[in-house]
Amino acid sequence: MLVLASASPRRRELLLQAGFTFEIHPADIPENLHPDEDPFAYVTRLAREKAQTVFAQLSANPETSAGLVVLGADTTVTLDKAILGKPTGPADAARMLRMLSGRTHRVITGVAVVTAQTTEVAAEVTAVSFFTLSDQEIADYIATGEPMDKAGAYAIQGRAARWIPRIVGDYFNVVGLPLALVSTLLESRHE
């Protein structure tokens, strides 16, 4: 049984789109950045902790532990060594969008697959270029509410798509779940 350790509607939609059958059991863990933790270490640690936490909860029950596979993921946006998580409010979203304006940043998603036998962890990186945004465009976008629960304060699959002329890498990674990487990790369990 595959379990997604996330409440993200985007991750759920992507897994469904890719044809996976799964259950959802969100992990409730602190997502604090450790001192001097780089973005790769941060997202892979959180993905692993989410998957391991949910695996521990579900494997305690013999009815849910047989064939249990838990998928955890965490996505962040990085620019100039800064990690841009989810904004704390409209002012923070505006700050992030001003930072991204006219620049290319990286989106990193850590993915972890936990079973009774193994824990596999990997990460995907995508470069995303933004047009230069006016203060009015930023204010209007924030007013929609869309950026408020998104790493980096934007959704590539939403209204922000019109400001992104180019990406290099996996589009689905920017949405929140690199499907090719996830498929490879899940399929490698059967080899």
N, C-alpha and C. Protein backbone atom coordinates (compact mmCIF):
# COMPACT_ATOMS: atom_id res chain seq x y z
N MET A 1 0.84 -1.18 0.00
CA MET A 1 0.00 0.00 0.00
C MET A 1 0.88 1.24 0.00
N LEU A 2 0.68 2.14 -0.97
CA LEU A 2 1.41 3.40 -1.06
C LEU A 2 0.66 4.46 -0.26
N VAL A 3 1.41 5.20 0.57
CA VAL A 3 0.84 6.27 1.37
C VAL A 3 1.63 7.54 1.09
N LEU A 4 0.93 8.62 0.79
CA LEU A 4 1.54 9.93 0.61
C LEU A 4 1.52 10.66 1.95
N ALA A 5 2.70 11.01 2.46
CA ALA A 5 2.83 11.68 3.76
C ALA A 5 2.75 13.19 3.57
N SER A 6 1.67 13.64 2.94
CA SER A 6 1.51 15.06 2.64
C SER A 6 0.04 15.40 2.48
N ALA A 7 -0.32 16.61 2.91
CA ALA A 7 -1.69 17.10 2.71
C ALA A 7 -1.77 17.97 1.46
N SER A 8 -0.67 18.10 0.71
CA SER A 8 -0.63 18.98 -0.45
C SER A 8 -1.59 18.51 -1.54
N PRO A 9 -2.55 19.36 -1.92
CA PRO A 9 -3.44 18.97 -3.02
C PRO A 9 -2.69 18.83 -4.34
N ARG A 10 -1.62 19.60 -4.52
CA ARG A 10 -0.83 19.49 -5.75
C ARG A 10 -0.13 18.14 -5.85
N ARG A 11 0.44 17.68 -4.76
CA ARG A 11 1.10 16.36 -4.78
C ARG A 11 0.08 15.25 -5.02
N ARG A 12 -1.07 15.37 -4.40
CA ARG A 12 -2.13 14.38 -4.61
C ARG A 12 -2.53 14.34 -6.08
N GLU A 13 -2.77 15.51 -6.67
CA GLU A 13 -3.17 15.58 -8.07
C GLU A 13 -2.11 14.99 -9.00
N LEU A 14 -0.84 15.29 -8.72
CA LEU A 14 0.24 14.77 -9.57
C LEU A 14 0.34 13.26 -9.49
N LEU A 15 0.24 12.70 -8.29
CA LEU A 15 0.29 11.24 -8.16
C LEU A 15 -0.88 10.58 -8.87
N LEU A 16 -2.07 11.18 -8.77
CA LEU A 16 -3.23 10.65 -9.48
C LEU A 16 -3.01 10.72 -11.00
N GLN A 17 -2.48 11.87 -11.45
CA GLN A 17 -2.21 12.06 -12.88
C GLN A 17 -1.26 10.99 -13.40
N ALA A 18 -0.29 10.59 -12.57
CA ALA A 18 0.70 9.59 -12.98
C ALA A 18 0.18 8.17 -12.86
N GLY A 19 -1.05 8.01 -12.37
CA GLY A 19 -1.67 6.69 -12.32
C GLY A 19 -1.42 5.89 -11.06
N PHE A 20 -0.92 6.52 -10.01
CA PHE A 20 -0.67 5.80 -8.76
C PHE A 20 -1.95 5.69 -7.94
N THR A 21 -2.07 4.57 -7.24
CA THR A 21 -3.14 4.37 -6.27
C THR A 21 -2.50 4.53 -4.90
N PHE A 22 -3.09 5.36 -4.05
CA PHE A 22 -2.45 5.66 -2.77
C PHE A 22 -3.47 6.18 -1.78
N GLU A 23 -3.05 6.21 -0.53
CA GLU A 23 -3.81 6.84 0.54
C GLU A 23 -3.02 8.05 1.01
N ILE A 24 -3.70 8.96 1.69
CA ILE A 24 -3.05 10.16 2.20
C ILE A 24 -3.04 10.12 3.72
N HIS A 25 -1.87 10.33 4.28
CA HIS A 25 -1.71 10.41 5.73
C HIS A 25 -0.66 11.49 6.00
N PRO A 26 -1.08 12.75 6.17
CA PRO A 26 -0.11 13.84 6.33
C PRO A 26 0.77 13.66 7.56
N ALA A 27 2.02 14.04 7.41
CA ALA A 27 2.95 14.02 8.54
C ALA A 27 2.86 15.35 9.27
N ASP A 28 2.94 15.28 10.58
CA ASP A 28 2.92 16.50 11.38
C ASP A 28 4.27 16.59 12.08
N ILE A 29 5.21 17.27 11.42
CA ILE A 29 6.55 17.42 11.98
C ILE A 29 6.94 18.89 11.91
N PRO A 30 7.87 19.32 12.78
CA PRO A 30 8.37 20.69 12.65
C PRO A 30 9.22 20.80 11.39
N GLU A 31 9.09 21.91 10.69
CA GLU A 31 9.84 22.09 9.44
C GLU A 31 10.89 23.19 9.58
N ASN A 32 11.52 23.23 10.74
CA ASN A 32 12.52 24.26 11.01
C ASN A 32 13.83 23.96 10.30
N LEU A 33 14.45 25.01 9.82
CA LEU A 33 15.76 24.92 9.19
C LEU A 33 16.82 24.81 10.29
N HIS A 34 17.72 23.85 10.16
CA HIS A 34 18.81 23.72 11.12
C HIS A 34 19.90 24.74 10.79
N PRO A 35 20.68 25.17 11.78
CA PRO A 35 21.75 26.14 11.52
C PRO A 35 22.72 25.59 10.45
N ASP A 36 23.08 26.42 9.51
CA ASP A 36 24.02 26.09 8.44
C ASP A 36 23.57 24.94 7.54
N GLU A 37 22.28 24.64 7.53
CA GLU A 37 21.77 23.56 6.68
C GLU A 37 21.57 24.07 5.27
N ASP A 38 22.15 23.37 4.29
CA ASP A 38 21.98 23.82 2.91
C ASP A 38 20.62 23.34 2.38
N PRO A 39 20.15 23.92 1.27
CA PRO A 39 18.81 23.60 0.76
C PRO A 39 18.61 22.11 0.45
N PHE A 40 19.63 21.43 -0.10
CA PHE A 40 19.49 20.00 -0.40
C PHE A 40 19.31 19.20 0.88
N ALA A 41 20.16 19.47 1.86
CA ALA A 41 20.07 18.75 3.13
C ALA A 41 18.72 19.03 3.80
N TYR A 42 18.25 20.27 3.71
CA TYR A 42 16.98 20.66 4.33
C TYR A 42 15.80 19.88 3.75
N VAL A 43 15.65 19.91 2.41
CA VAL A 43 14.48 19.26 1.81
C VAL A 43 14.55 17.74 1.89
N THR A 44 15.75 17.17 1.79
CA THR A 44 15.84 15.70 1.88
C THR A 44 15.62 15.25 3.32
N ARG A 45 16.09 16.03 4.29
CA ARG A 45 15.84 15.68 5.70
C ARG A 45 14.35 15.73 6.00
N LEU A 46 13.68 16.79 5.56
CA LEU A 46 12.24 16.90 5.83
C LEU A 46 11.45 15.80 5.12
N ALA A 47 11.80 15.51 3.88
CA ALA A 47 11.10 14.43 3.16
C ALA A 47 11.27 13.11 3.91
N ARG A 48 12.50 12.82 4.35
CA ARG A 48 12.77 11.59 5.08
C ARG A 48 12.02 11.56 6.41
N GLU A 49 12.06 12.66 7.16
CA GLU A 49 11.38 12.71 8.45
C GLU A 49 9.87 12.54 8.30
N LYS A 50 9.28 13.16 7.28
CA LYS A 50 7.84 13.02 7.03
C LYS A 50 7.51 11.55 6.75
N ALA A 51 8.25 10.94 5.84
CA ALA A 51 7.98 9.55 5.46
C ALA A 51 8.21 8.60 6.63
N GLN A 52 9.29 8.81 7.37
CA GLN A 52 9.59 7.92 8.50
C GLN A 52 8.56 8.07 9.62
N THR A 53 8.10 9.29 9.86
CA THR A 53 7.09 9.53 10.90
C THR A 53 5.79 8.79 10.56
N VAL A 54 5.34 8.94 9.32
CA VAL A 54 4.09 8.29 8.92
C VAL A 54 4.28 6.77 8.87
N PHE A 55 5.44 6.31 8.41
CA PHE A 55 5.70 4.87 8.39
C PHE A 55 5.62 4.30 9.82
N ALA A 56 6.24 4.98 10.77
CA ALA A 56 6.21 4.52 12.16
C ALA A 56 4.78 4.47 12.70
N GLN A 57 3.98 5.48 12.37
CA GLN A 57 2.60 5.51 12.85
C GLN A 57 1.79 4.36 12.27
N LEU A 58 1.91 4.15 10.95
CA LEU A 58 1.08 3.15 10.28
C LEU A 58 1.58 1.73 10.47
N SER A 59 2.89 1.56 10.63
CA SER A 59 3.41 0.20 10.76
C SER A 59 3.15 -0.37 12.15
N ALA A 60 2.74 0.47 13.09
CA ALA A 60 2.39 -0.02 14.42
C ALA A 60 1.11 -0.85 14.39
N ASN A 61 0.32 -0.67 13.34
CA ASN A 61 -0.94 -1.41 13.17
C ASN A 61 -0.71 -2.55 12.17
N PRO A 62 -0.85 -3.80 12.60
CA PRO A 62 -0.61 -4.92 11.68
C PRO A 62 -1.51 -4.89 10.43
N GLU A 63 -2.68 -4.27 10.53
CA GLU A 63 -3.60 -4.21 9.39
C GLU A 63 -3.09 -3.28 8.30
N THR A 64 -2.28 -2.27 8.67
CA THR A 64 -1.79 -1.32 7.67
C THR A 64 -0.30 -1.49 7.35
N SER A 65 0.39 -2.39 8.04
CA SER A 65 1.83 -2.48 7.86
C SER A 65 2.27 -3.38 6.71
N ALA A 66 1.44 -4.32 6.28
CA ALA A 66 1.83 -5.25 5.22
C ALA A 66 2.02 -4.50 3.90
N GLY A 67 3.23 -4.59 3.36
CA GLY A 67 3.51 -3.95 2.08
C GLY A 67 3.47 -2.43 2.11
N LEU A 68 3.64 -1.86 3.28
CA LEU A 68 3.54 -0.42 3.44
C LEU A 68 4.71 0.30 2.77
N VAL A 69 4.40 1.29 1.95
CA VAL A 69 5.38 2.15 1.29
C VAL A 69 4.93 3.59 1.53
N VAL A 70 5.79 4.39 2.15
CA VAL A 70 5.41 5.77 2.45
C VAL A 70 6.30 6.72 1.65
N LEU A 71 5.64 7.66 0.97
CA LEU A 71 6.32 8.67 0.17
C LEU A 71 6.24 10.01 0.87
N GLY A 72 7.39 10.59 1.13
CA GLY A 72 7.46 11.93 1.72
C GLY A 72 8.13 12.87 0.74
N ALA A 73 7.77 14.14 0.78
CA ALA A 73 8.39 15.13 -0.11
C ALA A 73 8.38 16.49 0.56
N ASP A 74 9.36 17.30 0.18
CA ASP A 74 9.40 18.68 0.63
C ASP A 74 10.05 19.52 -0.46
N THR A 75 9.47 20.68 -0.73
CA THR A 75 9.95 21.55 -1.80
C THR A 75 10.33 22.90 -1.23
N THR A 76 11.44 23.44 -1.73
CA THR A 76 11.82 24.79 -1.36
C THR A 76 12.34 25.53 -2.58
N VAL A 77 12.37 26.84 -2.45
CA VAL A 77 12.89 27.73 -3.48
C VAL A 77 14.15 28.36 -2.91
N THR A 78 15.22 28.42 -3.73
CA THR A 78 16.46 29.02 -3.26
C THR A 78 16.94 30.09 -4.25
N LEU A 79 17.49 31.14 -3.67
CA LEU A 79 18.06 32.23 -4.47
C LEU A 79 19.20 32.82 -3.65
N ASP A 80 20.37 32.89 -4.24
CA ASP A 80 21.54 33.46 -3.55
C ASP A 80 21.75 32.83 -2.17
N LYS A 81 21.65 31.53 -2.10
CA LYS A 81 21.84 30.75 -0.86
C LYS A 81 20.74 30.96 0.17
N ALA A 82 19.74 31.77 -0.14
CA ALA A 82 18.60 31.96 0.77
C ALA A 82 17.54 30.92 0.44
N ILE A 83 16.93 30.37 1.48
CA ILE A 83 15.83 29.43 1.31
C ILE A 83 14.53 30.21 1.48
N LEU A 84 13.69 30.14 0.45
CA LEU A 84 12.41 30.84 0.48
C LEU A 84 11.30 29.81 0.67
N GLY A 85 10.85 29.69 1.89
CA GLY A 85 9.77 28.76 2.18
C GLY A 85 8.42 29.39 1.89
N LYS A 86 7.41 28.97 2.61
CA LYS A 86 6.08 29.55 2.45
C LYS A 86 6.07 30.91 3.15
N PRO A 87 5.45 31.92 2.53
CA PRO A 87 5.44 33.25 3.16
C PRO A 87 4.64 33.26 4.45
N THR A 88 5.07 34.09 5.39
CA THR A 88 4.38 34.21 6.68
C THR A 88 3.19 35.16 6.60
N GLY A 89 3.12 35.93 5.52
CA GLY A 89 2.02 36.89 5.34
C GLY A 89 2.23 37.64 4.05
N PRO A 90 1.33 38.57 3.74
CA PRO A 90 1.43 39.32 2.48
C PRO A 90 2.75 40.08 2.31
N ALA A 91 3.25 40.70 3.37
CA ALA A 91 4.51 41.46 3.26
C ALA A 91 5.67 40.53 2.94
N ASP A 92 5.68 39.35 3.54
CA ASP A 92 6.74 38.37 3.28
C ASP A 92 6.63 37.84 1.85
N ALA A 93 5.41 37.63 1.37
CA ALA A 93 5.21 37.18 -0.02
C ALA A 93 5.73 38.25 -0.98
N ALA A 94 5.45 39.51 -0.70
CA ALA A 94 5.93 40.60 -1.55
C ALA A 94 7.46 40.65 -1.55
N ARG A 95 8.05 40.46 -0.39
CA ARG A 95 9.52 40.44 -0.29
C ARG A 95 10.10 39.34 -1.18
N MET A 96 9.53 38.14 -1.09
CA MET A 96 10.02 37.02 -1.88
C MET A 96 9.86 37.27 -3.38
N LEU A 97 8.70 37.77 -3.78
CA LEU A 97 8.46 38.01 -5.20
C LEU A 97 9.38 39.10 -5.75
N ARG A 98 9.68 40.12 -4.93
CA ARG A 98 10.64 41.14 -5.35
C ARG A 98 12.03 40.52 -5.53
N MET A 99 12.40 39.58 -4.66
CA MET A 99 13.69 38.90 -4.78
C MET A 99 13.77 38.08 -6.08
N LEU A 100 12.67 37.40 -6.44
CA LEU A 100 12.65 36.53 -7.61
C LEU A 100 12.53 37.32 -8.92
N SER A 101 11.99 38.53 -8.84
CA SER A 101 11.72 39.35 -10.02
C SER A 101 12.98 39.57 -10.87
N GLY A 102 12.89 39.20 -12.16
CA GLY A 102 13.98 39.41 -13.09
C GLY A 102 15.17 38.49 -12.90
N ARG A 103 15.01 37.45 -12.12
CA ARG A 103 16.13 36.56 -11.78
C ARG A 103 15.78 35.10 -12.09
N THR A 104 16.81 34.27 -12.03
CA THR A 104 16.62 32.82 -12.13
C THR A 104 16.94 32.22 -10.77
N HIS A 105 16.03 31.40 -10.28
CA HIS A 105 16.21 30.75 -8.98
C HIS A 105 16.12 29.24 -9.16
N ARG A 106 16.33 28.51 -8.08
CA ARG A 106 16.24 27.05 -8.12
C ARG A 106 15.09 26.57 -7.24
N VAL A 107 14.40 25.55 -7.73
CA VAL A 107 13.40 24.86 -6.93
C VAL A 107 13.95 23.47 -6.67
N ILE A 108 14.01 23.10 -5.40
CA ILE A 108 14.55 21.80 -5.00
C ILE A 108 13.47 21.04 -4.25
N THR A 109 13.22 19.81 -4.69
CA THR A 109 12.29 18.94 -3.97
C THR A 109 13.05 17.71 -3.50
N GLY A 110 12.97 17.47 -2.22
CA GLY A 110 13.49 16.23 -1.64
C GLY A 110 12.38 15.21 -1.63
N VAL A 111 12.73 13.96 -1.94
CA VAL A 111 11.76 12.87 -1.98
C VAL A 111 12.32 11.71 -1.17
N ALA A 112 11.48 11.08 -0.36
CA ALA A 112 11.89 9.91 0.40
C ALA A 112 10.85 8.82 0.25
N VAL A 113 11.32 7.58 0.08
CA VAL A 113 10.45 6.41 0.03
C VAL A 113 10.90 5.49 1.16
N VAL A 114 9.99 5.21 2.09
CA VAL A 114 10.31 4.38 3.26
C VAL A 114 9.48 3.11 3.22
N THR A 115 10.16 1.98 3.37
CA THR A 115 9.52 0.67 3.51
C THR A 115 10.10 0.00 4.74
N ALA A 116 9.64 -1.19 5.04
CA ALA A 116 10.20 -1.93 6.18
C ALA A 116 11.66 -2.28 5.95
N GLN A 117 12.06 -2.38 4.68
CA GLN A 117 13.42 -2.79 4.35
C GLN A 117 14.39 -1.62 4.15
N THR A 118 13.92 -0.53 3.55
CA THR A 118 14.84 0.55 3.18
C THR A 118 14.22 1.93 3.32
N THR A 119 15.10 2.91 3.31
CA THR A 119 14.73 4.31 3.17
C THR A 119 15.59 4.86 2.04
N GLU A 120 14.94 5.31 0.96
CA GLU A 120 15.66 5.90 -0.16
C GLU A 120 15.31 7.37 -0.23
N VAL A 121 16.34 8.19 -0.41
CA VAL A 121 16.16 9.63 -0.44
C VAL A 121 16.87 10.20 -1.67
N ALA A 122 16.23 11.14 -2.34
CA ALA A 122 16.82 11.78 -3.51
C ALA A 122 16.26 13.19 -3.61
N ALA A 123 16.82 13.98 -4.53
CA ALA A 123 16.34 15.35 -4.73
C ALA A 123 16.38 15.69 -6.21
N GLU A 124 15.50 16.58 -6.60
CA GLU A 124 15.42 17.08 -7.97
C GLU A 124 15.57 18.60 -7.92
N VAL A 125 16.26 19.16 -8.92
CA VAL A 125 16.48 20.61 -9.00
C VAL A 125 16.01 21.12 -10.35
N THR A 126 15.30 22.23 -10.33
CA THR A 126 14.85 22.88 -11.55
C THR A 126 15.17 24.37 -11.45
N ALA A 127 15.72 24.93 -12.52
CA ALA A 127 15.98 26.37 -12.58
C ALA A 127 14.77 27.06 -13.19
N VAL A 128 14.31 28.14 -12.56
CA VAL A 128 13.12 28.86 -13.00
C VAL A 128 13.47 30.34 -13.17
N SER A 129 13.18 30.88 -14.36
CA SER A 129 13.45 32.29 -14.65
C SER A 129 12.15 33.09 -14.58
N PHE A 130 12.24 34.24 -13.95
CA PHE A 130 11.10 35.16 -13.82
C PHE A 130 11.32 36.41 -14.65
N PHE A 131 10.24 36.94 -15.24
CA PHE A 131 10.28 38.29 -15.79
C PHE A 131 10.42 39.28 -14.63
N THR A 132 10.75 40.51 -14.96
CA THR A 132 10.76 41.57 -13.96
C THR A 132 9.31 41.94 -13.64
N LEU A 133 8.98 41.98 -12.37
CA LEU A 133 7.61 42.25 -11.93
C LEU A 133 7.49 43.68 -11.38
N SER A 134 6.39 44.32 -11.69
CA SER A 134 6.13 45.64 -11.11
C SER A 134 5.54 45.46 -9.71
N ASP A 135 5.62 46.52 -8.92
CA ASP A 135 5.01 46.48 -7.59
C ASP A 135 3.52 46.20 -7.68
N GLN A 136 2.86 46.75 -8.72
CA GLN A 136 1.43 46.54 -8.89
C GLN A 136 1.12 45.08 -9.23
N GLU A 137 1.94 44.47 -10.09
CA GLU A 137 1.75 43.04 -10.40
C GLU A 137 1.90 42.18 -9.15
N ILE A 138 2.89 42.50 -8.34
CA ILE A 138 3.10 41.75 -7.10
C ILE A 138 1.91 41.94 -6.17
N ALA A 139 1.45 43.17 -5.99
CA ALA A 139 0.31 43.44 -5.10
C ALA A 139 -0.96 42.75 -5.59
N ASP A 140 -1.20 42.81 -6.90
CA ASP A 140 -2.39 42.16 -7.46
C ASP A 140 -2.32 40.64 -7.27
N TYR A 141 -1.15 40.07 -7.45
CA TYR A 141 -0.99 38.62 -7.29
C TYR A 141 -1.21 38.20 -5.84
N ILE A 142 -0.65 38.94 -4.92
CA ILE A 142 -0.82 38.63 -3.50
C ILE A 142 -2.29 38.73 -3.11
N ALA A 143 -3.01 39.68 -3.69
CA ALA A 143 -4.43 39.87 -3.40
C ALA A 143 -5.27 38.64 -3.79
N THR A 144 -4.77 37.83 -4.73
CA THR A 144 -5.51 36.62 -5.11
C THR A 144 -5.44 35.54 -4.03
N GLY A 145 -4.45 35.65 -3.13
CA GLY A 145 -4.25 34.63 -2.10
C GLY A 145 -3.40 33.44 -2.57
N GLU A 146 -3.17 33.35 -3.87
CA GLU A 146 -2.46 32.18 -4.41
C GLU A 146 -1.06 31.96 -3.82
N PRO A 147 -0.29 33.02 -3.58
CA PRO A 147 1.08 32.77 -3.13
C PRO A 147 1.22 32.36 -1.66
N MET A 148 0.15 32.42 -0.91
CA MET A 148 0.29 32.31 0.54
C MET A 148 0.69 30.93 1.08
N ASP A 149 0.43 29.86 0.38
CA ASP A 149 0.85 28.54 0.90
C ASP A 149 1.84 27.86 -0.03
N LYS A 150 2.60 28.67 -0.76
CA LYS A 150 3.54 28.13 -1.76
C LYS A 150 4.97 28.54 -1.41
N ALA A 151 5.89 27.59 -1.52
CA ALA A 151 7.30 27.92 -1.35
C ALA A 151 7.69 28.96 -2.39
N GLY A 152 8.37 30.00 -1.95
CA GLY A 152 8.76 31.06 -2.88
C GLY A 152 7.65 32.01 -3.22
N ALA A 153 6.47 31.81 -2.67
CA ALA A 153 5.31 32.70 -2.83
C ALA A 153 4.74 32.71 -4.25
N TYR A 154 4.86 31.60 -4.98
CA TYR A 154 4.22 31.54 -6.29
C TYR A 154 3.86 30.11 -6.66
N ALA A 155 2.92 29.99 -7.60
CA ALA A 155 2.52 28.69 -8.14
C ALA A 155 2.73 28.73 -9.65
N ILE A 156 3.66 27.92 -10.14
CA ILE A 156 3.95 27.89 -11.58
C ILE A 156 2.72 27.44 -12.37
N GLN A 157 1.87 26.61 -11.76
CA GLN A 157 0.69 26.10 -12.43
C GLN A 157 -0.50 27.06 -12.29
N GLY A 158 -0.27 28.21 -11.66
CA GLY A 158 -1.33 29.19 -11.45
C GLY A 158 -1.06 30.47 -12.22
N ARG A 159 -1.47 31.59 -11.63
CA ARG A 159 -1.36 32.89 -12.29
C ARG A 159 0.08 33.31 -12.55
N ALA A 160 1.01 32.84 -11.75
CA ALA A 160 2.42 33.21 -11.92
C ALA A 160 3.01 32.65 -13.21
N ALA A 161 2.34 31.70 -13.84
CA ALA A 161 2.86 31.10 -15.08
C ALA A 161 3.17 32.15 -16.13
N ARG A 162 2.43 33.24 -16.14
CA ARG A 162 2.63 34.27 -17.18
C ARG A 162 3.94 35.04 -17.00
N TRP A 163 4.59 34.89 -15.84
CA TRP A 163 5.85 35.58 -15.59
C TRP A 163 7.07 34.68 -15.74
N ILE A 164 6.86 33.43 -16.14
CA ILE A 164 7.95 32.46 -16.19
C ILE A 164 8.21 32.06 -17.64
N PRO A 165 9.18 32.72 -18.28
CA PRO A 165 9.45 32.42 -19.69
C PRO A 165 10.26 31.15 -19.91
N ARG A 166 10.91 30.66 -18.84
CA ARG A 166 11.82 29.53 -19.07
C ARG A 166 12.06 28.75 -17.76
N ILE A 167 12.08 27.44 -17.93
CA ILE A 167 12.58 26.59 -16.84
C ILE A 167 13.58 25.63 -17.46
N VAL A 168 14.52 25.18 -16.65
CA VAL A 168 15.46 24.15 -17.06
C VAL A 168 15.34 23.04 -16.02
N GLY A 169 14.75 21.93 -16.44
CA GLY A 169 14.55 20.82 -15.53
C GLY A 169 13.12 20.34 -15.54
N ASP A 170 12.73 19.69 -14.47
CA ASP A 170 11.44 19.02 -14.34
C ASP A 170 10.34 20.00 -13.91
N TYR A 171 9.37 20.24 -14.79
CA TYR A 171 8.24 21.12 -14.47
C TYR A 171 7.50 20.64 -13.23
N PHE A 172 7.25 19.33 -13.15
CA PHE A 172 6.48 18.79 -12.02
C PHE A 172 7.20 19.00 -10.69
N ASN A 173 8.51 19.09 -10.73
CA ASN A 173 9.28 19.41 -9.53
C ASN A 173 8.87 20.77 -8.99
N VAL A 174 8.67 21.73 -9.90
CA VAL A 174 8.30 23.08 -9.48
C VAL A 174 6.88 23.09 -8.91
N VAL A 175 6.01 22.24 -9.43
CA VAL A 175 4.65 22.13 -8.89
C VAL A 175 4.70 21.51 -7.49
N GLY A 176 5.67 20.62 -7.25
CA GLY A 176 5.82 20.07 -5.90
C GLY A 176 6.15 18.60 -5.81
N LEU A 177 6.21 17.89 -6.95
CA LEU A 177 6.55 16.48 -6.88
C LEU A 177 7.15 16.02 -8.21
N PRO A 178 8.45 15.76 -8.24
CA PRO A 178 9.09 15.32 -9.49
C PRO A 178 8.67 13.89 -9.82
N LEU A 179 7.70 13.76 -10.72
CA LEU A 179 7.09 12.45 -10.98
C LEU A 179 8.06 11.41 -11.52
N ALA A 180 8.99 11.80 -12.39
CA ALA A 180 9.93 10.83 -12.93
C ALA A 180 10.82 10.28 -11.83
N LEU A 181 11.30 11.13 -10.94
CA LEU A 181 12.13 10.69 -9.82
C LEU A 181 11.32 9.79 -8.88
N VAL A 182 10.11 10.19 -8.56
CA VAL A 182 9.25 9.38 -7.68
C VAL A 182 9.00 8.01 -8.31
N SER A 183 8.67 7.98 -9.59
CA SER A 183 8.42 6.71 -10.28
C SER A 183 9.65 5.82 -10.23
N THR A 184 10.82 6.41 -10.46
CA THR A 184 12.06 5.62 -10.42
C THR A 184 12.28 5.03 -9.03
N LEU A 185 12.08 5.81 -8.00
CA LEU A 185 12.27 5.31 -6.63
C LEU A 185 11.26 4.21 -6.30
N LEU A 186 10.02 4.42 -6.68
CA LEU A 186 8.99 3.41 -6.37
C LEU A 186 9.20 2.14 -7.18
N GLU A 187 9.58 2.26 -8.44
CA GLU A 187 9.77 1.08 -9.29
C GLU A 187 11.05 0.31 -8.92
N SER A 188 12.04 0.99 -8.36
CA SER A 188 13.29 0.31 -7.99
C SER A 188 13.08 -0.68 -6.85
N ARG A 189 12.00 -0.54 -6.13
CA ARG A 189 11.69 -1.50 -5.04
C ARG A 189 11.34 -2.87 -5.59
N HIS A 190 10.93 -2.94 -6.86
CA HIS A 190 10.47 -4.21 -7.46
C HIS A 190 11.56 -4.92 -8.25
N GLU A 191 12.75 -4.32 -8.30
CA GLU A 191 13.82 -4.93 -9.11
C GLU A 191 14.62 -5.92 -8.31
